[in-house]
């Protein structure tokens, strides 16, 4: 697909979200999360229809961020993320990388995990998982992000 076609599609998607009140409201809820920008919010709206309708374990699995085992008999292997919607997972990865480089609740969470000895990639995956669960919760509860409520959770 050429760049011109992609630009036209981006404009159409933005117009669709802007003109439908339920999508606009969901977009506003998602972009109220510090560090979650319009591109990530649009990706979540378009590729995660279940957002706000399923529990935290299910949304993490749908995004491919749930730890899955690969055990067999007595063998116990480390848990890994896999499956789910790769496009959403890739978008959350880029968003999480940006969030971890700034101060804020997810950046602080990331640094805390690394200081505890977690592998930086594992800590980044934990930030991605926390981000999708937060987005799911806010949409389900139909509320905007507020620091006092989020940090207590």
N, C-alpha and C. Protein backbone atom coordinates (compact mmCIF):
# COMPACT_ATOMS: atom_id res chain seq x y z
N UNK A 1 0.86 -1.17 0.00
CA UNK A 1 0.00 0.00 0.00
C UNK A 1 0.91 1.24 0.00
N UNK A 2 0.59 2.17 -0.84
CA UNK A 2 1.44 3.36 -0.93
C UNK A 2 1.10 4.35 0.19
N UNK A 3 2.00 5.26 0.40
CA UNK A 3 1.87 6.24 1.48
C UNK A 3 0.62 7.09 1.33
N UNK A 4 0.27 7.44 0.11
CA UNK A 4 -0.91 8.27 -0.15
C UNK A 4 -2.17 7.55 0.34
N UNK A 5 -2.28 6.25 0.08
CA UNK A 5 -3.43 5.48 0.52
C UNK A 5 -3.48 5.38 2.04
N UNK A 6 -2.32 5.20 2.63
CA UNK A 6 -2.27 5.12 4.11
C UNK A 6 -2.67 6.45 4.74
N UNK A 7 -2.26 7.55 4.15
CA UNK A 7 -2.64 8.87 4.67
C UNK A 7 -4.15 9.08 4.58
N UNK A 8 -4.74 8.67 3.47
CA UNK A 8 -6.19 8.80 3.30
C UNK A 8 -6.92 7.95 4.34
N UNK A 9 -6.44 6.73 4.55
CA UNK A 9 -7.06 5.86 5.56
C UNK A 9 -6.93 6.45 6.97
N UNK A 10 -5.77 7.01 7.29
CA UNK A 10 -5.59 7.65 8.59
C UNK A 10 -6.58 8.78 8.80
N UNK A 11 -6.79 9.58 7.78
CA UNK A 11 -7.74 10.69 7.87
C UNK A 11 -9.16 10.16 8.06
N UNK A 12 -9.51 9.12 7.33
CA UNK A 12 -10.85 8.54 7.45
C UNK A 12 -11.08 7.95 8.84
N UNK A 13 -10.08 7.29 9.39
CA UNK A 13 -10.20 6.71 10.73
C UNK A 13 -10.36 7.82 11.76
N UNK A 14 -9.54 8.86 11.66
CA UNK A 14 -9.65 9.99 12.59
C UNK A 14 -11.02 10.66 12.51
N UNK A 15 -11.53 10.84 11.29
CA UNK A 15 -12.86 11.45 11.11
C UNK A 15 -13.95 10.56 11.70
N UNK A 16 -13.82 9.26 11.49
CA UNK A 16 -14.81 8.32 12.03
C UNK A 16 -14.85 8.40 13.56
N UNK A 17 -13.68 8.41 14.19
CA UNK A 17 -13.62 8.50 15.65
C UNK A 17 -14.16 9.85 16.12
N UNK A 18 -13.81 10.91 15.44
CA UNK A 18 -14.24 12.25 15.82
C UNK A 18 -15.76 12.42 15.69
N UNK A 19 -16.38 11.76 14.72
CA UNK A 19 -17.80 11.96 14.43
C UNK A 19 -18.74 10.99 15.14
N UNK A 20 -18.21 9.94 15.76
CA UNK A 20 -19.07 9.02 16.51
C UNK A 20 -18.82 9.24 18.00
N UNK A 21 -19.85 9.64 18.70
CA UNK A 21 -19.69 10.07 20.09
C UNK A 21 -19.14 8.97 20.99
N UNK A 22 -19.56 7.71 20.80
CA UNK A 22 -19.04 6.64 21.66
C UNK A 22 -17.56 6.39 21.41
N UNK A 23 -17.14 6.43 20.14
CA UNK A 23 -15.71 6.25 19.84
C UNK A 23 -14.90 7.44 20.32
N UNK A 24 -15.44 8.64 20.17
CA UNK A 24 -14.75 9.85 20.64
C UNK A 24 -14.57 9.81 22.15
N UNK A 25 -15.61 9.36 22.86
CA UNK A 25 -15.53 9.28 24.32
C UNK A 25 -14.47 8.25 24.74
N UNK A 26 -14.46 7.10 24.08
CA UNK A 26 -13.46 6.08 24.38
C UNK A 26 -12.05 6.60 24.07
N UNK A 27 -11.90 7.32 22.96
CA UNK A 27 -10.63 7.92 22.58
C UNK A 27 -10.17 8.91 23.66
N UNK A 28 -11.08 9.74 24.14
CA UNK A 28 -10.74 10.72 25.19
C UNK A 28 -10.32 10.03 26.48
N UNK A 29 -10.99 8.94 26.83
CA UNK A 29 -10.61 8.19 28.03
C UNK A 29 -9.19 7.64 27.87
N UNK A 30 -8.91 7.03 26.74
CA UNK A 30 -7.59 6.43 26.52
C UNK A 30 -6.48 7.48 26.49
N UNK A 31 -6.72 8.60 25.85
CA UNK A 31 -5.68 9.63 25.77
C UNK A 31 -5.53 10.40 27.08
N UNK A 32 -6.41 10.16 28.05
CA UNK A 32 -6.23 10.79 29.35
C UNK A 32 -5.10 10.11 30.14
N UNK A 33 -4.70 8.92 29.72
CA UNK A 33 -3.58 8.21 30.36
C UNK A 33 -2.29 8.90 29.93
N UNK A 34 -1.48 9.37 30.88
CA UNK A 34 -0.23 10.06 30.52
C UNK A 34 0.69 9.17 29.68
N UNK A 35 1.09 9.67 28.53
CA UNK A 35 2.00 8.93 27.67
C UNK A 35 1.31 8.10 26.60
N UNK A 36 0.00 7.91 26.71
CA UNK A 36 -0.73 7.16 25.69
C UNK A 36 -1.28 8.16 24.69
N UNK A 37 -0.70 8.16 23.50
CA UNK A 37 -1.04 9.17 22.51
C UNK A 37 -2.15 8.75 21.57
N UNK A 38 -2.45 9.62 20.61
CA UNK A 38 -3.56 9.36 19.70
C UNK A 38 -3.38 8.13 18.81
N UNK A 39 -2.17 7.82 18.42
CA UNK A 39 -1.95 6.66 17.56
C UNK A 39 -2.22 5.37 18.32
N UNK A 40 -1.72 5.28 19.55
CA UNK A 40 -1.97 4.09 20.37
C UNK A 40 -3.45 3.99 20.71
N UNK A 41 -4.08 5.11 21.05
CA UNK A 41 -5.51 5.09 21.37
C UNK A 41 -6.32 4.62 20.16
N UNK A 42 -5.98 5.11 18.98
CA UNK A 42 -6.68 4.70 17.77
C UNK A 42 -6.49 3.21 17.51
N UNK A 43 -5.29 2.72 17.72
CA UNK A 43 -5.01 1.30 17.53
C UNK A 43 -5.84 0.46 18.49
N UNK A 44 -5.91 0.88 19.75
CA UNK A 44 -6.70 0.12 20.73
C UNK A 44 -8.18 0.14 20.37
N UNK A 45 -8.68 1.27 19.91
CA UNK A 45 -10.10 1.37 19.54
C UNK A 45 -10.41 0.50 18.32
N UNK A 46 -9.54 0.52 17.33
CA UNK A 46 -9.83 -0.20 16.09
C UNK A 46 -9.53 -1.69 16.18
N UNK A 47 -8.53 -2.08 16.96
CA UNK A 47 -8.11 -3.49 16.98
C UNK A 47 -8.51 -4.26 18.23
N UNK A 48 -9.06 -3.58 19.22
CA UNK A 48 -9.45 -4.27 20.47
C UNK A 48 -10.91 -3.94 20.79
N UNK A 49 -11.83 -4.53 20.02
CA UNK A 49 -13.25 -4.31 20.24
C UNK A 49 -13.68 -4.71 21.66
N UNK A 50 -12.95 -5.65 22.24
CA UNK A 50 -13.31 -6.17 23.56
C UNK A 50 -12.91 -5.23 24.71
N UNK A 51 -12.20 -4.17 24.41
CA UNK A 51 -11.71 -3.26 25.43
C UNK A 51 -12.88 -2.75 26.28
N UNK A 52 -12.80 -2.98 27.58
CA UNK A 52 -13.83 -2.55 28.51
C UNK A 52 -14.94 -3.57 28.71
N UNK A 53 -14.89 -4.69 27.99
CA UNK A 53 -15.94 -5.69 28.08
C UNK A 53 -15.48 -7.02 28.66
N UNK A 54 -14.18 -7.17 28.85
CA UNK A 54 -13.64 -8.42 29.40
C UNK A 54 -12.80 -8.10 30.63
N UNK A 55 -12.42 -9.14 31.37
CA UNK A 55 -11.62 -8.91 32.58
C UNK A 55 -10.14 -8.72 32.23
N UNK A 56 -9.35 -8.44 33.25
CA UNK A 56 -7.94 -8.09 33.03
C UNK A 56 -7.13 -9.25 32.45
N UNK A 57 -7.40 -10.47 32.87
CA UNK A 57 -6.66 -11.60 32.33
C UNK A 57 -6.98 -11.82 30.85
N UNK A 58 -8.25 -11.66 30.51
CA UNK A 58 -8.66 -11.86 29.12
C UNK A 58 -8.10 -10.78 28.20
N UNK A 59 -8.09 -9.53 28.65
CA UNK A 59 -7.58 -8.46 27.79
C UNK A 59 -6.07 -8.60 27.59
N UNK A 60 -5.37 -9.05 28.64
CA UNK A 60 -3.92 -9.29 28.51
C UNK A 60 -3.66 -10.42 27.53
N UNK A 61 -4.47 -11.46 27.58
CA UNK A 61 -4.29 -12.59 26.65
C UNK A 61 -4.61 -12.16 25.22
N UNK A 62 -5.65 -11.37 25.04
CA UNK A 62 -6.01 -10.91 23.70
C UNK A 62 -4.92 -10.03 23.09
N UNK A 63 -4.23 -9.28 23.93
CA UNK A 63 -3.14 -8.44 23.46
C UNK A 63 -1.83 -9.21 23.35
N UNK A 64 -1.83 -10.47 23.78
CA UNK A 64 -0.61 -11.28 23.73
C UNK A 64 0.35 -10.94 24.84
N UNK A 65 -0.17 -10.46 25.97
CA UNK A 65 0.69 -10.05 27.09
C UNK A 65 0.49 -10.90 28.33
N UNK A 66 -0.21 -12.01 28.20
CA UNK A 66 -0.41 -12.90 29.34
C UNK A 66 0.72 -13.93 29.37
N UNK A 67 1.31 -14.16 30.53
CA UNK A 67 2.37 -15.17 30.60
C UNK A 67 1.80 -16.57 30.39
N UNK A 68 2.34 -17.27 29.40
CA UNK A 68 1.88 -18.63 29.07
C UNK A 68 2.96 -19.63 29.44
N UNK A 69 2.54 -20.77 29.94
CA UNK A 69 3.53 -21.80 30.28
C UNK A 69 3.73 -22.74 29.10
N UNK A 70 4.86 -23.40 29.10
CA UNK A 70 5.17 -24.43 28.11
C UNK A 70 5.72 -25.64 28.86
N UNK A 71 5.01 -26.03 29.89
CA UNK A 71 5.44 -27.14 30.72
C UNK A 71 5.08 -28.47 30.06
N UNK A 72 5.88 -29.48 30.36
CA UNK A 72 5.60 -30.82 29.85
C UNK A 72 6.12 -31.82 30.86
N UNK A 73 5.21 -32.59 31.43
CA UNK A 73 5.61 -33.56 32.43
C UNK A 73 6.22 -32.87 33.63
N UNK A 74 7.45 -33.27 33.98
CA UNK A 74 8.13 -32.66 35.13
C UNK A 74 8.90 -31.40 34.74
N UNK A 75 9.02 -31.16 33.45
CA UNK A 75 9.77 -29.99 32.98
C UNK A 75 8.95 -28.72 33.17
N UNK A 76 9.56 -27.73 33.79
CA UNK A 76 8.92 -26.43 34.01
C UNK A 76 9.77 -25.37 33.31
N UNK A 77 9.20 -24.75 32.30
CA UNK A 77 9.95 -23.73 31.57
C UNK A 77 9.49 -22.35 32.01
N UNK A 78 10.31 -21.33 31.75
CA UNK A 78 9.90 -19.96 32.10
C UNK A 78 8.65 -19.56 31.33
N UNK A 79 7.84 -18.73 31.94
CA UNK A 79 6.62 -18.24 31.29
C UNK A 79 7.01 -17.22 30.23
N UNK A 80 6.28 -17.23 29.12
CA UNK A 80 6.56 -16.32 28.02
C UNK A 80 5.26 -15.75 27.50
N UNK A 81 5.34 -14.56 26.92
CA UNK A 81 4.16 -14.01 26.26
C UNK A 81 4.17 -14.49 24.82
N UNK A 82 2.97 -14.74 24.29
CA UNK A 82 2.87 -15.17 22.90
C UNK A 82 1.40 -15.09 22.48
N UNK A 83 1.19 -15.23 21.20
CA UNK A 83 -0.17 -15.20 20.68
C UNK A 83 -0.75 -13.79 20.74
N UNK A 84 -2.04 -13.72 20.73
CA UNK A 84 -2.70 -12.43 20.80
C UNK A 84 -2.54 -11.63 19.52
N UNK A 85 -2.81 -10.37 19.62
CA UNK A 85 -2.78 -9.48 18.46
C UNK A 85 -1.45 -8.75 18.40
N UNK A 86 -0.61 -9.21 17.48
CA UNK A 86 0.75 -8.70 17.38
C UNK A 86 0.78 -7.19 17.12
N UNK A 87 -0.12 -6.70 16.31
CA UNK A 87 -0.14 -5.27 15.99
C UNK A 87 -0.38 -4.44 17.26
N UNK A 88 -1.29 -4.89 18.09
CA UNK A 88 -1.57 -4.19 19.35
C UNK A 88 -0.37 -4.29 20.29
N UNK A 89 0.21 -5.47 20.38
CA UNK A 89 1.37 -5.67 21.25
C UNK A 89 2.54 -4.79 20.81
N UNK A 90 2.78 -4.70 19.51
CA UNK A 90 3.86 -3.85 19.00
C UNK A 90 3.61 -2.38 19.32
N UNK A 91 2.37 -1.93 19.19
CA UNK A 91 2.02 -0.54 19.50
C UNK A 91 2.20 -0.27 21.00
N UNK A 92 1.78 -1.21 21.83
CA UNK A 92 1.95 -1.04 23.28
C UNK A 92 3.42 -1.04 23.67
N UNK A 93 4.23 -1.81 22.94
CA UNK A 93 5.67 -1.83 23.20
C UNK A 93 6.27 -0.44 22.98
N UNK A 94 5.95 0.17 21.84
CA UNK A 94 6.50 1.49 21.55
C UNK A 94 6.01 2.53 22.56
N UNK A 95 4.76 2.44 22.95
CA UNK A 95 4.20 3.36 23.93
C UNK A 95 4.88 3.16 25.28
N UNK A 96 5.09 1.90 25.68
CA UNK A 96 5.71 1.60 26.97
C UNK A 96 7.17 2.06 27.01
N UNK A 97 7.88 1.92 25.90
CA UNK A 97 9.27 2.40 25.86
C UNK A 97 9.31 3.89 26.15
N UNK A 98 8.42 4.64 25.53
CA UNK A 98 8.37 6.08 25.78
C UNK A 98 8.01 6.40 27.22
N UNK A 99 7.08 5.64 27.79
CA UNK A 99 6.64 5.90 29.16
C UNK A 99 7.74 5.61 30.18
N UNK A 100 8.55 4.60 29.91
CA UNK A 100 9.58 4.23 30.87
C UNK A 100 10.73 5.24 30.92
N UNK A 101 10.84 6.05 29.92
CA UNK A 101 11.93 7.03 29.87
C UNK A 101 11.58 8.34 30.56
N UNK A 102 10.33 8.46 30.98
CA UNK A 102 9.89 9.68 31.68
C UNK A 102 9.49 9.31 33.09
N UNK A 103 9.41 10.34 33.93
CA UNK A 103 8.87 10.10 35.26
C UNK A 103 7.35 10.01 35.12
N UNK A 104 6.76 9.30 35.98
CA UNK A 104 5.33 9.04 35.95
C UNK A 104 5.10 7.68 36.56
N UNK A 105 3.86 7.32 36.75
CA UNK A 105 3.60 6.09 37.49
C UNK A 105 4.12 4.85 36.77
N UNK A 106 4.05 4.77 35.44
CA UNK A 106 4.55 3.59 34.75
C UNK A 106 6.08 3.62 34.61
N UNK A 107 6.65 4.80 34.45
CA UNK A 107 8.11 4.91 34.44
C UNK A 107 8.70 4.53 35.79
N UNK A 108 8.05 4.98 36.85
CA UNK A 108 8.49 4.62 38.20
C UNK A 108 8.32 3.13 38.45
N UNK A 109 7.23 2.56 37.97
CA UNK A 109 6.98 1.12 38.11
C UNK A 109 8.08 0.33 37.40
N UNK A 110 8.45 0.75 36.18
CA UNK A 110 9.51 0.09 35.43
C UNK A 110 10.84 0.15 36.18
N UNK A 111 11.20 1.34 36.64
CA UNK A 111 12.48 1.48 37.35
C UNK A 111 12.49 0.66 38.65
N UNK A 112 11.38 0.59 39.32
CA UNK A 112 11.26 -0.21 40.54
C UNK A 112 11.52 -1.69 40.24
N UNK A 113 10.93 -2.20 39.15
CA UNK A 113 11.13 -3.60 38.79
C UNK A 113 12.59 -3.88 38.42
N UNK A 114 13.21 -2.97 37.69
CA UNK A 114 14.62 -3.16 37.30
C UNK A 114 15.51 -3.12 38.54
N UNK A 115 15.21 -2.21 39.47
CA UNK A 115 16.00 -2.14 40.71
C UNK A 115 15.84 -3.41 41.54
N UNK A 116 14.71 -4.08 41.41
CA UNK A 116 14.50 -5.34 42.13
C UNK A 116 15.21 -6.50 41.46
N UNK A 117 15.84 -6.24 40.32
CA UNK A 117 16.61 -7.28 39.65
C UNK A 117 15.92 -7.93 38.47
N UNK A 118 14.78 -7.41 38.08
CA UNK A 118 14.09 -7.97 36.92
C UNK A 118 14.84 -7.59 35.64
N UNK A 119 14.81 -8.47 34.68
CA UNK A 119 15.38 -8.20 33.37
C UNK A 119 14.62 -7.02 32.77
N UNK A 120 15.32 -6.05 32.16
CA UNK A 120 14.63 -4.89 31.59
C UNK A 120 13.52 -5.24 30.60
N UNK A 121 13.70 -6.29 29.79
CA UNK A 121 12.65 -6.69 28.85
C UNK A 121 11.42 -7.23 29.60
N UNK A 122 11.66 -7.96 30.67
CA UNK A 122 10.56 -8.47 31.49
C UNK A 122 9.82 -7.30 32.14
N UNK A 123 10.57 -6.33 32.63
CA UNK A 123 9.96 -5.15 33.25
C UNK A 123 9.16 -4.35 32.23
N UNK A 124 9.65 -4.25 31.01
CA UNK A 124 8.94 -3.54 29.95
C UNK A 124 7.63 -4.27 29.60
N UNK A 125 7.69 -5.59 29.57
CA UNK A 125 6.48 -6.37 29.32
C UNK A 125 5.47 -6.16 30.44
N UNK A 126 5.94 -6.04 31.68
CA UNK A 126 5.04 -5.78 32.80
C UNK A 126 4.37 -4.41 32.65
N UNK A 127 5.11 -3.43 32.15
CA UNK A 127 4.54 -2.10 31.90
C UNK A 127 3.48 -2.18 30.81
N UNK A 128 3.75 -2.92 29.75
CA UNK A 128 2.78 -3.09 28.67
C UNK A 128 1.50 -3.74 29.19
N UNK A 129 1.67 -4.77 30.01
CA UNK A 129 0.51 -5.47 30.57
C UNK A 129 -0.28 -4.54 31.49
N UNK A 130 0.42 -3.79 32.32
CA UNK A 130 -0.25 -2.85 33.22
C UNK A 130 -0.99 -1.78 32.43
N UNK A 131 -0.41 -1.34 31.32
CA UNK A 131 -1.02 -0.32 30.48
C UNK A 131 -2.32 -0.82 29.85
N UNK A 132 -2.33 -2.02 29.28
CA UNK A 132 -3.54 -2.53 28.64
C UNK A 132 -4.62 -2.81 29.69
N UNK A 133 -4.22 -3.27 30.86
CA UNK A 133 -5.20 -3.51 31.93
C UNK A 133 -5.78 -2.19 32.42
N UNK A 134 -4.95 -1.17 32.54
CA UNK A 134 -5.42 0.16 32.94
C UNK A 134 -6.41 0.71 31.91
N UNK A 135 -6.06 0.61 30.64
CA UNK A 135 -6.95 1.09 29.58
C UNK A 135 -8.28 0.34 29.62
N UNK A 136 -8.23 -0.96 29.80
CA UNK A 136 -9.44 -1.78 29.88
C UNK A 136 -10.31 -1.36 31.06
N UNK A 137 -9.69 -1.14 32.20
CA UNK A 137 -10.43 -0.76 33.41
C UNK A 137 -11.09 0.60 33.24
N UNK A 138 -10.35 1.56 32.71
CA UNK A 138 -10.91 2.90 32.54
C UNK A 138 -12.09 2.91 31.58
N UNK A 139 -11.97 2.17 30.49
CA UNK A 139 -13.08 2.10 29.53
C UNK A 139 -14.27 1.38 30.16
N UNK A 140 -14.01 0.30 30.90
CA UNK A 140 -15.10 -0.44 31.53
C UNK A 140 -15.83 0.41 32.57
N UNK A 141 -15.07 1.20 33.32
CA UNK A 141 -15.67 2.03 34.37
C UNK A 141 -16.12 3.38 33.84
N UNK A 142 -15.88 3.64 32.56
CA UNK A 142 -16.28 4.88 31.90
C UNK A 142 -15.78 6.11 32.67
N UNK A 143 -14.47 6.11 32.94
CA UNK A 143 -13.89 7.23 33.67
C UNK A 143 -12.53 7.58 33.08
N UNK A 144 -12.11 8.79 33.35
CA UNK A 144 -10.82 9.27 32.90
C UNK A 144 -9.75 8.93 33.93
N UNK A 145 -8.50 8.90 33.48
CA UNK A 145 -7.39 8.60 34.37
C UNK A 145 -7.19 9.75 35.34
N UNK A 146 -7.00 9.39 36.60
CA UNK A 146 -6.66 10.37 37.64
C UNK A 146 -5.55 9.75 38.48
N UNK A 147 -4.48 10.51 38.75
CA UNK A 147 -3.32 9.94 39.44
C UNK A 147 -3.64 9.35 40.81
N UNK A 148 -4.45 9.99 41.60
CA UNK A 148 -4.70 9.52 42.96
C UNK A 148 -5.32 8.14 42.96
N UNK A 149 -6.26 7.87 42.07
CA UNK A 149 -6.93 6.56 42.05
C UNK A 149 -6.02 5.49 41.47
N UNK A 150 -5.24 5.82 40.44
CA UNK A 150 -4.39 4.83 39.78
C UNK A 150 -3.24 4.40 40.68
N UNK A 151 -2.62 5.33 41.36
CA UNK A 151 -1.45 4.99 42.16
C UNK A 151 -1.83 4.15 43.38
N UNK A 152 -3.06 4.25 43.82
CA UNK A 152 -3.48 3.46 44.97
C UNK A 152 -3.76 2.02 44.58
N UNK A 153 -4.04 1.76 43.30
CA UNK A 153 -4.39 0.41 42.85
C UNK A 153 -3.19 -0.51 42.83
